[in-house]
Amino acid sequence: MLEAQSVKLMLEIIDTFAQKIKIIEKQLEELTKDDEMVKLLLTIRGCGKITAWIIRAYTEDISRFANSKKYAAFCGLVPKVKDSNETVHHGSITRHGPVELRTAFVQLFMGMRRCKDTKSWRMIQRYEYMKKNKGSGKSIISEARKTAENVWALLTAKTEFDSAKMTGIYKPMNLPEQALAAAN
């Protein structure tokens, strides 16, 4: 009896939250209906409204970033570098910047990966290749960084996403041509 009341109370709380979320989403949609940055982000395959809103909210003015690498660094998606005399050590990502923005870029890449027509994209092929050697976690973060760099280019140029530029055959740089031909 007591458990049933607790479950009923929890379900009511969940319903209240769901209603409030719908209200917030409607407000965000109204606020961003004429926003050029959100419209450009929504042209990316796999990018949903919430991901576009998060990237828009944290990016503000894309022109404040001199290049795509600085934008990726702002997102916290670049590796730590420890430089001591003649040795250079690369570590995990810096995690500087908003965690929500990093999460949005991971979700954006995963959304791209889930689309059926993206299998021929170089970044998806690179992810599949890297996943075999480095594992899926590091590979996802690496591609999230590339996605952030692509978003910087898209927003800086103020052009819609062109999936034709994403297609091609990914060739790992450290393999000779004969090994690639044998692998295919």
N, C-alpha and C. Protein backbone atom coordinates (compact mmCIF):
# COMPACT_ATOMS: atom_id res chain seq x y z
N MET A 1 0.83 -1.19 0.00
CA MET A 1 0.00 0.00 0.00
C MET A 1 0.87 1.26 0.00
N LEU A 2 1.86 1.30 0.89
CA LEU A 2 2.75 2.44 0.97
C LEU A 2 3.60 2.57 -0.29
N GLU A 3 4.03 1.41 -0.84
CA GLU A 3 4.83 1.44 -2.06
C GLU A 3 4.02 1.98 -3.23
N ALA A 4 2.75 1.62 -3.31
CA ALA A 4 1.89 2.09 -4.39
C ALA A 4 1.71 3.60 -4.33
N GLN A 5 1.58 4.15 -3.13
CA GLN A 5 1.45 5.60 -2.97
C GLN A 5 2.74 6.30 -3.38
N SER A 6 3.88 5.72 -3.02
CA SER A 6 5.17 6.30 -3.40
C SER A 6 5.36 6.31 -4.90
N VAL A 7 4.99 5.21 -5.55
CA VAL A 7 5.11 5.13 -7.01
C VAL A 7 4.18 6.14 -7.66
N LYS A 8 2.96 6.25 -7.15
CA LYS A 8 2.00 7.21 -7.70
C LYS A 8 2.53 8.64 -7.56
N LEU A 9 3.12 8.97 -6.42
CA LEU A 9 3.69 10.29 -6.19
C LEU A 9 4.84 10.55 -7.15
N MET A 10 5.72 9.57 -7.35
CA MET A 10 6.85 9.72 -8.28
C MET A 10 6.37 9.93 -9.71
N LEU A 11 5.34 9.21 -10.12
CA LEU A 11 4.79 9.38 -11.47
C LEU A 11 4.19 10.77 -11.66
N GLU A 12 3.54 11.29 -10.62
CA GLU A 12 2.99 12.65 -10.69
C GLU A 12 4.12 13.68 -10.83
N ILE A 13 5.21 13.47 -10.10
CA ILE A 13 6.37 14.38 -10.20
C ILE A 13 6.95 14.33 -11.60
N ILE A 14 7.07 13.14 -12.16
CA ILE A 14 7.61 12.99 -13.52
C ILE A 14 6.70 13.69 -14.52
N ASP A 15 5.39 13.56 -14.38
CA ASP A 15 4.45 14.24 -15.28
C ASP A 15 4.59 15.76 -15.17
N THR A 16 4.77 16.26 -13.94
CA THR A 16 4.95 17.71 -13.74
C THR A 16 6.21 18.19 -14.43
N PHE A 17 7.30 17.44 -14.27
CA PHE A 17 8.55 17.80 -14.94
C PHE A 17 8.39 17.77 -16.46
N ALA A 18 7.72 16.77 -16.98
CA ALA A 18 7.52 16.66 -18.43
C ALA A 18 6.74 17.86 -18.96
N GLN A 19 5.73 18.30 -18.24
CA GLN A 19 4.97 19.47 -18.66
C GLN A 19 5.83 20.73 -18.64
N LYS A 20 6.63 20.88 -17.61
CA LYS A 20 7.50 22.06 -17.51
C LYS A 20 8.56 22.05 -18.61
N ILE A 21 9.07 20.87 -18.94
CA ILE A 21 10.05 20.76 -20.03
C ILE A 21 9.43 21.19 -21.35
N LYS A 22 8.20 20.79 -21.60
CA LYS A 22 7.51 21.20 -22.83
C LYS A 22 7.36 22.71 -22.90
N ILE A 23 7.06 23.33 -21.78
CA ILE A 23 6.91 24.79 -21.74
C ILE A 23 8.25 25.46 -22.06
N ILE A 24 9.32 24.96 -21.46
CA ILE A 24 10.65 25.53 -21.70
C ILE A 24 11.05 25.34 -23.16
N GLU A 25 10.79 24.16 -23.72
CA GLU A 25 11.13 23.92 -25.13
C GLU A 25 10.36 24.85 -26.06
N LYS A 26 9.10 25.13 -25.75
CA LYS A 26 8.33 26.07 -26.57
C LYS A 26 8.92 27.47 -26.48
N GLN A 27 9.34 27.87 -25.28
CA GLN A 27 9.95 29.19 -25.11
C GLN A 27 11.27 29.28 -25.88
N LEU A 28 12.08 28.23 -25.81
CA LEU A 28 13.35 28.22 -26.55
C LEU A 28 13.12 28.26 -28.05
N GLU A 29 12.12 27.53 -28.50
CA GLU A 29 11.80 27.53 -29.92
C GLU A 29 11.37 28.92 -30.38
N GLU A 30 10.59 29.59 -29.56
CA GLU A 30 10.15 30.94 -29.88
C GLU A 30 11.33 31.92 -29.90
N LEU A 31 12.23 31.78 -28.92
CA LEU A 31 13.40 32.66 -28.85
C LEU A 31 14.36 32.48 -30.02
N THR A 32 14.45 31.26 -30.55
CA THR A 32 15.45 30.97 -31.58
C THR A 32 14.86 30.75 -32.97
N LYS A 33 13.59 31.07 -33.16
CA LYS A 33 12.97 30.79 -34.46
C LYS A 33 13.61 31.58 -35.59
N ASP A 34 14.15 32.77 -35.33
CA ASP A 34 14.79 33.58 -36.37
C ASP A 34 16.31 33.61 -36.23
N ASP A 35 16.86 32.75 -35.38
CA ASP A 35 18.30 32.75 -35.13
C ASP A 35 19.04 32.03 -36.27
N GLU A 36 19.92 32.76 -36.93
CA GLU A 36 20.65 32.20 -38.08
C GLU A 36 21.58 31.06 -37.67
N MET A 37 22.22 31.18 -36.51
CA MET A 37 23.14 30.15 -36.06
C MET A 37 22.41 28.83 -35.82
N VAL A 38 21.25 28.88 -35.19
CA VAL A 38 20.47 27.67 -34.94
C VAL A 38 20.02 27.04 -36.26
N LYS A 39 19.59 27.87 -37.20
CA LYS A 39 19.17 27.35 -38.51
C LYS A 39 20.31 26.63 -39.21
N LEU A 40 21.52 27.20 -39.14
CA LEU A 40 22.68 26.56 -39.76
C LEU A 40 23.02 25.25 -39.06
N LEU A 41 22.96 25.23 -37.74
CA LEU A 41 23.26 24.01 -36.99
C LEU A 41 22.26 22.90 -37.30
N LEU A 42 21.01 23.27 -37.50
CA LEU A 42 19.99 22.26 -37.78
C LEU A 42 20.13 21.64 -39.18
N THR A 43 20.98 22.22 -40.04
CA THR A 43 21.22 21.61 -41.35
C THR A 43 22.18 20.43 -41.26
N ILE A 44 22.85 20.27 -40.12
CA ILE A 44 23.78 19.16 -39.93
C ILE A 44 22.98 17.88 -39.69
N ARG A 45 23.32 16.83 -40.42
CA ARG A 45 22.65 15.54 -40.23
C ARG A 45 22.90 15.05 -38.81
N GLY A 46 21.84 14.73 -38.10
CA GLY A 46 21.97 14.21 -36.74
C GLY A 46 21.88 15.27 -35.66
N CYS A 47 21.76 16.54 -36.03
CA CYS A 47 21.66 17.61 -35.04
C CYS A 47 20.19 17.91 -34.76
N GLY A 48 19.83 17.79 -33.51
CA GLY A 48 18.47 18.11 -33.10
C GLY A 48 18.39 19.51 -32.53
N LYS A 49 17.16 19.92 -32.19
CA LYS A 49 16.95 21.28 -31.67
C LYS A 49 17.69 21.54 -30.36
N ILE A 50 17.64 20.58 -29.46
CA ILE A 50 18.26 20.80 -28.15
C ILE A 50 19.78 20.94 -28.29
N THR A 51 20.38 20.09 -29.12
CA THR A 51 21.82 20.18 -29.36
C THR A 51 22.16 21.53 -29.99
N ALA A 52 21.38 21.96 -30.95
CA ALA A 52 21.62 23.26 -31.60
C ALA A 52 21.47 24.40 -30.60
N TRP A 53 20.48 24.32 -29.73
CA TRP A 53 20.28 25.37 -28.72
C TRP A 53 21.46 25.44 -27.77
N ILE A 54 21.97 24.28 -27.34
CA ILE A 54 23.10 24.26 -26.40
C ILE A 54 24.34 24.86 -27.05
N ILE A 55 24.63 24.44 -28.28
CA ILE A 55 25.81 24.98 -28.98
C ILE A 55 25.66 26.48 -29.16
N ARG A 56 24.47 26.91 -29.53
CA ARG A 56 24.20 28.34 -29.72
C ARG A 56 24.38 29.12 -28.42
N ALA A 57 23.87 28.58 -27.34
CA ALA A 57 23.92 29.29 -26.06
C ALA A 57 25.36 29.49 -25.57
N TYR A 58 26.20 28.50 -25.75
CA TYR A 58 27.57 28.59 -25.24
C TYR A 58 28.53 29.24 -26.23
N THR A 59 28.18 29.26 -27.50
CA THR A 59 29.10 29.80 -28.49
C THR A 59 28.94 31.32 -28.62
N GLU A 60 27.70 31.82 -28.51
CA GLU A 60 27.43 33.26 -28.64
C GLU A 60 27.95 33.81 -29.96
N ASP A 61 29.17 34.32 -29.98
CA ASP A 61 29.74 34.96 -31.16
C ASP A 61 30.92 34.13 -31.66
N ILE A 62 30.74 33.44 -32.77
CA ILE A 62 31.77 32.54 -33.30
C ILE A 62 33.01 33.31 -33.76
N SER A 63 32.86 34.59 -34.08
CA SER A 63 34.00 35.36 -34.59
C SER A 63 35.05 35.64 -33.52
N ARG A 64 34.74 35.40 -32.25
CA ARG A 64 35.75 35.62 -31.21
C ARG A 64 36.81 34.53 -31.19
N PHE A 65 36.62 33.46 -31.97
CA PHE A 65 37.60 32.39 -32.06
C PHE A 65 38.37 32.54 -33.36
N ALA A 66 39.68 32.68 -33.27
CA ALA A 66 40.52 32.94 -34.45
C ALA A 66 40.54 31.77 -35.42
N ASN A 67 40.45 30.54 -34.90
CA ASN A 67 40.45 29.38 -35.78
C ASN A 67 39.69 28.23 -35.12
N SER A 68 39.55 27.15 -35.86
CA SER A 68 38.75 26.02 -35.37
C SER A 68 39.40 25.33 -34.18
N LYS A 69 40.71 25.33 -34.12
CA LYS A 69 41.41 24.68 -33.01
C LYS A 69 41.18 25.44 -31.70
N LYS A 70 41.11 26.75 -31.78
CA LYS A 70 40.83 27.55 -30.57
C LYS A 70 39.39 27.31 -30.10
N TYR A 71 38.49 27.12 -31.04
CA TYR A 71 37.11 26.82 -30.67
C TYR A 71 37.03 25.45 -29.99
N ALA A 72 37.73 24.46 -30.55
CA ALA A 72 37.76 23.12 -29.94
C ALA A 72 38.39 23.18 -28.55
N ALA A 73 39.40 24.03 -28.38
CA ALA A 73 40.02 24.20 -27.06
C ALA A 73 39.03 24.84 -26.08
N PHE A 74 38.25 25.81 -26.56
CA PHE A 74 37.22 26.43 -25.73
C PHE A 74 36.22 25.39 -25.26
N CYS A 75 35.91 24.44 -26.12
CA CYS A 75 34.96 23.38 -25.78
C CYS A 75 35.57 22.35 -24.83
N GLY A 76 36.89 22.37 -24.67
CA GLY A 76 37.56 21.42 -23.79
C GLY A 76 37.77 20.07 -24.43
N LEU A 77 37.83 20.03 -25.76
CA LEU A 77 37.95 18.76 -26.48
C LEU A 77 39.34 18.49 -27.03
N VAL A 78 40.33 19.28 -26.61
CA VAL A 78 41.70 19.08 -27.09
C VAL A 78 42.50 18.36 -26.00
N PRO A 79 43.54 17.62 -26.40
CA PRO A 79 44.33 16.89 -25.39
C PRO A 79 45.23 17.81 -24.57
N LYS A 80 45.46 17.42 -23.32
CA LYS A 80 46.42 18.12 -22.48
C LYS A 80 47.82 17.87 -23.03
N VAL A 81 48.68 18.86 -22.98
CA VAL A 81 50.05 18.71 -23.43
C VAL A 81 50.98 19.13 -22.30
N LYS A 82 51.86 18.21 -21.93
CA LYS A 82 52.89 18.51 -20.92
C LYS A 82 54.22 18.50 -21.64
N ASP A 83 54.87 19.65 -21.64
CA ASP A 83 56.11 19.82 -22.38
C ASP A 83 57.24 20.07 -21.39
N SER A 84 58.23 19.20 -21.40
CA SER A 84 59.36 19.34 -20.48
C SER A 84 60.65 19.12 -21.27
N ASN A 85 61.38 20.18 -21.49
CA ASN A 85 62.63 20.14 -22.22
C ASN A 85 62.44 19.49 -23.59
N GLU A 86 62.82 18.22 -23.75
CA GLU A 86 62.74 17.59 -25.05
C GLU A 86 61.58 16.60 -25.17
N THR A 87 60.86 16.36 -24.10
CA THR A 87 59.76 15.39 -24.15
C THR A 87 58.43 16.10 -24.15
N VAL A 88 57.52 15.55 -24.92
CA VAL A 88 56.16 16.08 -24.99
C VAL A 88 55.21 14.93 -24.68
N HIS A 89 54.34 15.14 -23.72
CA HIS A 89 53.36 14.12 -23.34
C HIS A 89 51.97 14.65 -23.63
N HIS A 90 51.17 13.86 -24.35
CA HIS A 90 49.78 14.20 -24.62
C HIS A 90 48.91 13.34 -23.71
N GLY A 91 48.00 13.99 -23.03
CA GLY A 91 47.13 13.29 -22.08
C GLY A 91 45.69 13.27 -22.53
N SER A 92 44.81 13.14 -21.55
CA SER A 92 43.38 13.16 -21.84
C SER A 92 42.95 14.59 -22.18
N ILE A 93 41.69 14.77 -22.53
CA ILE A 93 41.23 16.11 -22.91
C ILE A 93 41.30 17.06 -21.72
N THR A 94 41.37 18.35 -22.01
CA THR A 94 41.55 19.36 -20.96
C THR A 94 40.30 19.53 -20.10
N ARG A 95 39.15 19.32 -20.66
CA ARG A 95 37.86 19.51 -19.98
C ARG A 95 37.65 20.96 -19.55
N HIS A 96 38.36 21.89 -20.18
CA HIS A 96 38.11 23.31 -19.93
C HIS A 96 36.82 23.66 -20.66
N GLY A 97 36.13 24.62 -20.19
CA GLY A 97 34.89 25.02 -20.85
C GLY A 97 33.70 24.27 -20.30
N PRO A 98 32.53 24.61 -20.79
CA PRO A 98 31.29 24.04 -20.25
C PRO A 98 31.12 22.56 -20.59
N VAL A 99 30.80 21.77 -19.58
CA VAL A 99 30.58 20.34 -19.78
C VAL A 99 29.38 20.10 -20.72
N GLU A 100 28.39 21.00 -20.66
CA GLU A 100 27.21 20.85 -21.53
C GLU A 100 27.59 20.99 -23.00
N LEU A 101 28.54 21.87 -23.30
CA LEU A 101 28.97 22.06 -24.69
C LEU A 101 29.72 20.83 -25.18
N ARG A 102 30.61 20.28 -24.34
CA ARG A 102 31.31 19.04 -24.72
C ARG A 102 30.31 17.93 -24.96
N THR A 103 29.35 17.81 -24.06
CA THR A 103 28.32 16.78 -24.20
C THR A 103 27.53 16.98 -25.48
N ALA A 104 27.23 18.22 -25.82
CA ALA A 104 26.47 18.51 -27.04
C ALA A 104 27.24 18.05 -28.28
N PHE A 105 28.56 18.27 -28.30
CA PHE A 105 29.35 17.83 -29.45
C PHE A 105 29.47 16.31 -29.52
N VAL A 106 29.55 15.66 -28.38
CA VAL A 106 29.54 14.19 -28.38
C VAL A 106 28.19 13.70 -28.91
N GLN A 107 27.10 14.30 -28.44
CA GLN A 107 25.77 13.90 -28.91
C GLN A 107 25.59 14.20 -30.39
N LEU A 108 26.15 15.32 -30.85
CA LEU A 108 26.06 15.66 -32.27
C LEU A 108 26.77 14.60 -33.12
N PHE A 109 27.98 14.22 -32.71
CA PHE A 109 28.68 13.17 -33.47
C PHE A 109 27.91 11.86 -33.43
N MET A 110 27.41 11.49 -32.25
CA MET A 110 26.66 10.23 -32.15
C MET A 110 25.38 10.28 -32.99
N GLY A 111 24.77 11.46 -33.07
CA GLY A 111 23.60 11.62 -33.94
C GLY A 111 23.97 11.45 -35.40
N MET A 112 25.12 12.00 -35.80
CA MET A 112 25.60 11.81 -37.17
C MET A 112 25.84 10.33 -37.45
N ARG A 113 26.45 9.68 -36.50
CA ARG A 113 26.80 8.27 -36.66
C ARG A 113 25.55 7.40 -36.80
N ARG A 114 24.47 7.77 -36.13
CA ARG A 114 23.25 6.98 -36.19
C ARG A 114 22.49 7.11 -37.51
N CYS A 115 22.74 8.18 -38.24
CA CYS A 115 22.05 8.37 -39.52
C CYS A 115 22.52 7.32 -40.52
N LYS A 116 21.60 6.79 -41.29
CA LYS A 116 21.92 5.70 -42.22
C LYS A 116 22.78 6.14 -43.39
N ASP A 117 22.62 7.37 -43.83
CA ASP A 117 23.33 7.82 -45.03
C ASP A 117 24.70 8.43 -44.73
N THR A 118 25.20 8.27 -43.51
CA THR A 118 26.50 8.85 -43.17
C THR A 118 27.63 7.83 -43.15
N LYS A 119 27.36 6.61 -43.52
CA LYS A 119 28.39 5.56 -43.48
C LYS A 119 29.57 5.88 -44.40
N SER A 120 29.33 6.64 -45.46
CA SER A 120 30.39 6.95 -46.41
C SER A 120 31.17 8.22 -46.02
N TRP A 121 30.81 8.85 -44.93
CA TRP A 121 31.52 10.05 -44.49
C TRP A 121 32.89 9.68 -43.94
N ARG A 122 33.90 10.47 -44.26
CA ARG A 122 35.27 10.21 -43.79
C ARG A 122 35.35 10.16 -42.27
N MET A 123 34.66 11.06 -41.59
CA MET A 123 34.77 11.08 -40.14
C MET A 123 34.16 9.84 -39.50
N ILE A 124 33.12 9.28 -40.10
CA ILE A 124 32.53 8.04 -39.60
C ILE A 124 33.48 6.89 -39.87
N GLN A 125 34.08 6.87 -41.04
CA GLN A 125 35.07 5.84 -41.37
C GLN A 125 36.28 5.94 -40.45
N ARG A 126 36.74 7.16 -40.17
CA ARG A 126 37.87 7.36 -39.27
C ARG A 126 37.52 6.87 -37.87
N TYR A 127 36.29 7.15 -37.43
CA TYR A 127 35.84 6.68 -36.12
C TYR A 127 35.89 5.15 -36.05
N GLU A 128 35.36 4.49 -37.07
CA GLU A 128 35.33 3.02 -37.09
C GLU A 128 36.75 2.45 -37.08
N TYR A 129 37.66 3.08 -37.81
CA TYR A 129 39.06 2.64 -37.84
C TYR A 129 39.72 2.84 -36.48
N MET A 130 39.55 4.02 -35.89
CA MET A 130 40.17 4.32 -34.61
C MET A 130 39.60 3.47 -33.48
N LYS A 131 38.32 3.15 -33.58
CA LYS A 131 37.66 2.37 -32.53
C LYS A 131 38.32 1.00 -32.36
N LYS A 132 38.81 0.45 -33.45
CA LYS A 132 39.47 -0.86 -33.39
C LYS A 132 40.77 -0.79 -32.58
N ASN A 133 41.48 0.32 -32.68
CA ASN A 133 42.79 0.44 -32.04
C ASN A 133 42.75 1.16 -30.69
N LYS A 134 41.93 2.19 -30.57
CA LYS A 134 41.94 3.03 -29.37
C LYS A 134 40.74 2.82 -28.46
N GLY A 135 39.71 2.16 -28.95
CA GLY A 135 38.48 2.00 -28.18
C GLY A 135 37.46 3.06 -28.57
N SER A 136 36.23 2.81 -28.22
CA SER A 136 35.17 3.72 -28.68
C SER A 136 35.19 5.05 -27.94
N GLY A 137 35.54 5.09 -26.66
CA GLY A 137 35.52 6.34 -25.90
C GLY A 137 36.47 7.39 -26.46
N LYS A 138 37.72 7.03 -26.65
CA LYS A 138 38.70 7.96 -27.19
C LYS A 138 38.35 8.34 -28.62
N SER A 139 37.82 7.40 -29.37
CA SER A 139 37.46 7.66 -30.76
C SER A 139 36.30 8.65 -30.85
N ILE A 140 35.32 8.50 -29.97
CA ILE A 140 34.18 9.42 -29.95
C ILE A 140 34.64 10.83 -29.61
N ILE A 141 35.50 10.97 -28.61
CA ILE A 141 35.99 12.29 -28.21
C ILE A 141 36.79 12.92 -29.34
N SER A 142 37.61 12.12 -30.01
CA SER A 142 38.39 12.63 -31.15
C SER A 142 37.47 13.16 -32.24
N GLU A 143 36.43 12.42 -32.55
CA GLU A 143 35.50 12.86 -33.60
C GLU A 143 34.61 14.01 -33.12
N ALA A 144 34.34 14.08 -31.82
CA ALA A 144 33.60 15.24 -31.29
C ALA A 144 34.43 16.51 -31.49
N ARG A 145 35.76 16.40 -31.30
CA ARG A 145 36.63 17.55 -31.55
C ARG A 145 36.58 17.94 -33.03
N LYS A 146 36.63 16.97 -33.93
CA LYS A 146 36.55 17.26 -35.36
C LYS A 146 35.20 17.87 -35.70
N THR A 147 34.15 17.40 -35.03
CA THR A 147 32.82 17.96 -35.25
C THR A 147 32.78 19.42 -34.81
N ALA A 148 33.40 19.73 -33.68
CA ALA A 148 33.46 21.12 -33.21
C ALA A 148 34.20 21.99 -34.21
N GLU A 149 35.28 21.47 -34.77
CA GLU A 149 36.04 22.22 -35.77
C GLU A 149 35.20 22.44 -37.03
N ASN A 150 34.43 21.42 -37.43
CA ASN A 150 33.55 21.57 -38.60
C ASN A 150 32.44 22.58 -38.33
N VAL A 151 31.91 22.58 -37.11
CA VAL A 151 30.87 23.54 -36.75
C VAL A 151 31.45 24.96 -36.78
N TRP A 152 32.68 25.14 -36.29
CA TRP A 152 33.32 26.45 -36.37
C TRP A 152 33.39 26.92 -37.82
N ALA A 153 33.82 26.05 -38.73
CA ALA A 153 33.93 26.41 -40.15
C ALA A 153 32.57 26.75 -40.73
N LEU A 154 31.56 25.97 -40.39
CA LEU A 154 30.21 26.18 -40.90
C LEU A 154 29.65 27.53 -40.42
N LEU A 155 29.82 27.82 -39.13
CA LEU A 155 29.28 29.06 -38.57
C LEU A 155 30.07 30.28 -38.99
N THR A 156 31.38 30.12 -39.18
CA THR A 156 32.21 31.23 -39.62
C THR A 156 31.89 31.62 -41.05
N ALA A 157 31.71 30.62 -41.90
CA ALA A 157 31.38 30.87 -43.31
C ALA A 157 29.90 31.21 -43.51
N LYS A 158 29.09 30.95 -42.48
CA LYS A 158 27.64 31.18 -42.55
C LYS A 158 27.02 30.47 -43.74
N THR A 159 27.38 29.19 -43.90
CA THR A 159 26.83 28.36 -44.97
C THR A 159 26.15 27.14 -44.36
N GLU A 160 25.21 26.60 -45.10
CA GLU A 160 24.54 25.39 -44.65
C GLU A 160 25.48 24.20 -44.77
N PHE A 161 25.20 23.19 -43.99
CA PHE A 161 26.01 21.97 -43.99
C PHE A 161 25.87 21.27 -45.34
N ASP A 162 26.99 20.87 -45.91
CA ASP A 162 27.00 20.18 -47.20
C ASP A 162 27.55 18.78 -46.99
N SER A 163 26.66 17.79 -47.00
CA SER A 163 27.10 16.41 -46.74
C SER A 163 27.97 15.87 -47.88
N ALA A 164 27.91 16.47 -49.07
CA ALA A 164 28.75 16.00 -50.18
C ALA A 164 30.23 16.21 -49.87
N LYS A 165 30.55 17.21 -49.06
CA LYS A 165 31.95 17.46 -48.70
C LYS A 165 32.46 16.45 -47.67
N MET A 166 31.57 15.71 -47.06
CA MET A 166 31.95 14.76 -46.02
C MET A 166 32.30 13.38 -46.58
N THR A 167 31.88 13.10 -47.79
CA THR A 167 32.09 11.77 -48.34
C THR A 167 33.50 11.61 -48.88
N GLY A 168 33.92 10.40 -48.94
CA GLY A 168 35.25 10.08 -49.43
C GLY A 168 35.78 8.87 -48.69
N ILE A 169 36.91 8.41 -49.08
CA ILE A 169 37.50 7.24 -48.44
C ILE A 169 38.55 7.72 -47.45
N TYR A 170 38.42 7.27 -46.22
CA TYR A 170 39.39 7.62 -45.20
C TYR A 170 40.62 6.74 -45.37
N LYS A 171 41.79 7.37 -45.45
CA LYS A 171 43.05 6.64 -45.56
C LYS A 171 43.90 6.98 -44.35
N PRO A 172 44.18 6.00 -43.49
CA PRO A 172 45.07 6.27 -42.36
C PRO A 172 46.44 6.73 -42.86
N MET A 173 47.00 7.73 -42.24
CA MET A 173 48.23 8.33 -42.75
C MET A 173 49.45 7.44 -42.57
N ASN A 174 49.45 6.52 -41.63
CA ASN A 174 50.65 5.75 -41.36
C ASN A 174 50.71 4.42 -42.12
N LEU A 175 49.75 4.13 -42.97
CA LEU A 175 49.77 2.88 -43.72
C LEU A 175 50.20 3.13 -45.16
N PRO A 176 51.05 2.25 -45.70
CA PRO A 176 51.43 2.40 -47.11
C PRO A 176 50.26 2.03 -48.02
N GLU A 177 50.32 2.51 -49.25
CA GLU A 177 49.24 2.28 -50.22
C GLU A 177 48.97 0.81 -50.46
N GLN A 178 50.01 -0.05 -50.44
CA GLN A 178 49.82 -1.48 -50.70
C GLN A 178 48.98 -2.11 -49.59
N ALA A 179 49.20 -1.71 -48.36
CA ALA A 179 48.42 -2.25 -47.24
C ALA A 179 46.97 -1.82 -47.34
N LEU A 180 46.73 -0.59 -47.79
CA LEU A 180 45.35 -0.13 -47.96
C LEU A 180 44.65 -0.91 -49.04
N ALA A 181 45.36 -1.16 -50.16
CA ALA A 181 44.76 -1.91 -51.26
C ALA A 181 44.45 -3.34 -50.82
N ALA A 182 45.31 -3.94 -50.03
CA ALA A 182 45.08 -5.30 -49.54
C ALA A 182 43.91 -5.34 -48.55
N ALA A 183 43.74 -4.28 -47.76
CA ALA A 183 42.66 -4.24 -46.77
C ALA A 183 41.31 -4.07 -47.44
N ASN A 184 41.25 -3.41 -48.58
CA ASN A 184 39.98 -3.18 -49.26
C ASN A 184 39.76 -4.30 -50.23
